[in-house]
Amino acid sequence: MKLSARNVIKGTIKSIKKGPISTLVTLEIAPGVEVVSVITSEGAGSLKLKKGQAAYAIIKASNVMVGVD
């Protein structure tokens, strides 16, 4: 797999919550550290995602927001 994104983080699928339009996928990238992504349910089906499967969080963004209280 070759990508232009530079932020590629390997993890394990911890949970998949499928809805009619979108699917919430949680990857554990280190013990107790998770990355959550919302993807289309059609895309999740095409990838044949399964809990416990190795997967990658691929982050490509032009902006990163930071907020504080």
C-alpha atoms as a PDB file:
ATOM      1  CA  MET A   1       0.000   0.000   0.000  1.00  0.00           C
ATOM      2  CA  LYS A   2       1.525   3.315  -1.077  1.00  0.00           C
ATOM      3  CA  LEU A   3      -0.002   6.569   0.129  1.00  0.00           C
ATOM      4  CA  SER A   4       0.822  10.254   0.032  1.00  0.00           C
ATOM      5  CA  ALA A   5      -0.337  10.662   3.658  1.00  0.00           C
ATOM      6  CA  ARG A   6       2.529  10.772   6.139  1.00  0.00           C
ATOM      7  CA  ASN A   7       0.501  10.018   9.258  1.00  0.00           C
ATOM      8  CA  VAL A   8      -0.130   6.275   9.024  1.00  0.00           C
ATOM      9  CA  ILE A   9      -0.655   4.534  12.368  1.00  0.00           C
ATOM     10  CA  LYS A  10      -1.012   0.761  12.660  1.00  0.00           C
ATOM     11  CA  GLY A  11      -3.555  -0.588  15.101  1.00  0.00           C
ATOM     12  CA  THR A  12      -6.087  -3.282  15.830  1.00  0.00           C
ATOM     13  CA  ILE A  13      -9.825  -2.921  15.310  1.00  0.00           C
ATOM     14  CA  LYS A  14     -11.347  -2.781  18.796  1.00  0.00           C
ATOM     15  CA  SER A  15     -14.978  -2.179  17.841  1.00  0.00           C
ATOM     16  CA  ILE A  16     -17.261  -1.610  14.863  1.00  0.00           C
ATOM     17  CA  LYS A  17     -20.657   0.073  15.256  1.00  0.00           C
ATOM     18  CA  LYS A  18     -22.475  -0.169  11.948  1.00  0.00           C
ATOM     19  CA  GLY A  19     -25.339   2.137  11.084  1.00  0.00           C
ATOM     20  CA  PRO A  20     -27.409   2.403   7.913  1.00  0.00           C
ATOM     21  CA  ILE A  21     -25.259   5.210   6.472  1.00  0.00           C
ATOM     22  CA  SER A  22     -22.090   5.435   8.556  1.00  0.00           C
ATOM     23  CA  THR A  23     -19.955   3.085  10.636  1.00  0.00           C
ATOM     24  CA  LEU A  24     -17.907   4.020  13.713  1.00  0.00           C
ATOM     25  CA  VAL A  25     -14.576   2.157  13.756  1.00  0.00           C
ATOM     26  CA  THR A  26     -12.338   2.230  16.838  1.00  0.00           C
ATOM     27  CA  LEU A  27      -8.672   1.277  16.431  1.00  0.00           C
ATOM     28  CA  GLU A  28      -6.427   0.602  19.413  1.00  0.00           C
ATOM     29  CA  ILE A  29      -3.006   1.936  18.408  1.00  0.00           C
ATOM     30  CA  ALA A  30      -1.306   1.298  21.782  1.00  0.00           C
ATOM     31  CA  PRO A  31      -2.574  -0.108  25.096  1.00  0.00           C
ATOM     32  CA  GLY A  32      -5.340   2.289  26.172  1.00  0.00           C
ATOM     33  CA  VAL A  33      -4.835   4.602  23.159  1.00  0.00           C
ATOM     34  CA  GLU A  34      -7.592   4.687  20.556  1.00  0.00           C
ATOM     35  CA  VAL A  35      -8.323   6.433  17.277  1.00  0.00           C
ATOM     36  CA  VAL A  36     -11.957   6.604  16.195  1.00  0.00           C
ATOM     37  CA  SER A  37     -13.088   7.098  12.615  1.00  0.00           C
ATOM     38  CA  VAL A  38     -16.495   7.464  11.000  1.00  0.00           C
ATOM     39  CA  ILE A  39     -16.589   5.939   7.525  1.00  0.00           C
ATOM     40  CA  THR A  40     -19.420   5.046   5.181  1.00  0.00           C
ATOM     41  CA  SER A  41     -21.095   1.721   5.859  1.00  0.00           C
ATOM     42  CA  GLU A  42     -20.561   0.872   2.197  1.00  0.00           C
ATOM     43  CA  GLY A  43     -16.817   1.466   2.638  1.00  0.00           C
ATOM     44  CA  ALA A  44     -16.736  -0.620   5.816  1.00  0.00           C
ATOM     45  CA  GLY A  45     -18.445  -3.447   3.934  1.00  0.00           C
ATOM     46  CA  SER A  46     -15.968  -3.221   1.064  1.00  0.00           C
ATOM     47  CA  LEU A  47     -13.056  -3.468   3.510  1.00  0.00           C
ATOM     48  CA  LYS A  48     -14.656  -6.492   5.240  1.00  0.00           C
ATOM     49  CA  LEU A  49     -13.665  -5.112   8.637  1.00  0.00           C
ATOM     50  CA  LYS A  50     -13.600  -7.495  11.615  1.00  0.00           C
ATOM     51  CA  LYS A  51     -12.945  -6.959  15.319  1.00  0.00           C
ATOM     52  CA  GLY A  52      -9.339  -7.935  16.148  1.00  0.00           C
ATOM     53  CA  GLN A  53      -8.145  -7.337  12.575  1.00  0.00           C
ATOM     54  CA  ALA A  54      -5.008  -5.287  11.945  1.00  0.00           C
ATOM     55  CA  ALA A  55      -5.792  -1.960  10.268  1.00  0.00           C
ATOM     56  CA  TYR A  56      -4.284   1.481   9.721  1.00  0.00           C
ATOM     57  CA  ALA A  57      -5.455   4.936  10.753  1.00  0.00           C
ATOM     58  CA  ILE A  58      -4.451   7.144   7.836  1.00  0.00           C
ATOM     59  CA  ILE A  59      -4.649  10.820   8.748  1.00  0.00           C
ATOM     60  CA  LYS A  60      -4.550  13.416   5.988  1.00  0.00           C
ATOM     61  CA  ALA A  61      -5.777  16.852   7.001  1.00  0.00           C
ATOM     62  CA  SER A  62      -5.059  20.403   6.029  1.00  0.00           C
ATOM     63  CA  ASN A  63      -6.077  21.703   9.467  1.00  0.00           C
ATOM     64  CA  VAL A  64      -5.755  20.514  13.046  1.00  0.00           C
ATOM     65  CA  MET A  65      -7.822  22.305  15.656  1.00  0.00           C
ATOM     66  CA  VAL A  66      -6.822  22.608  19.315  1.00  0.00           C
ATOM     67  CA  GLY A  67      -9.193  23.696  22.062  1.00  0.00           C
ATOM     68  CA  VAL A  68      -8.898  24.322  25.795  1.00  0.00           C
ATOM     69  CA  ASP A  69     -11.305  25.180  28.617  1.00  0.00           C
END
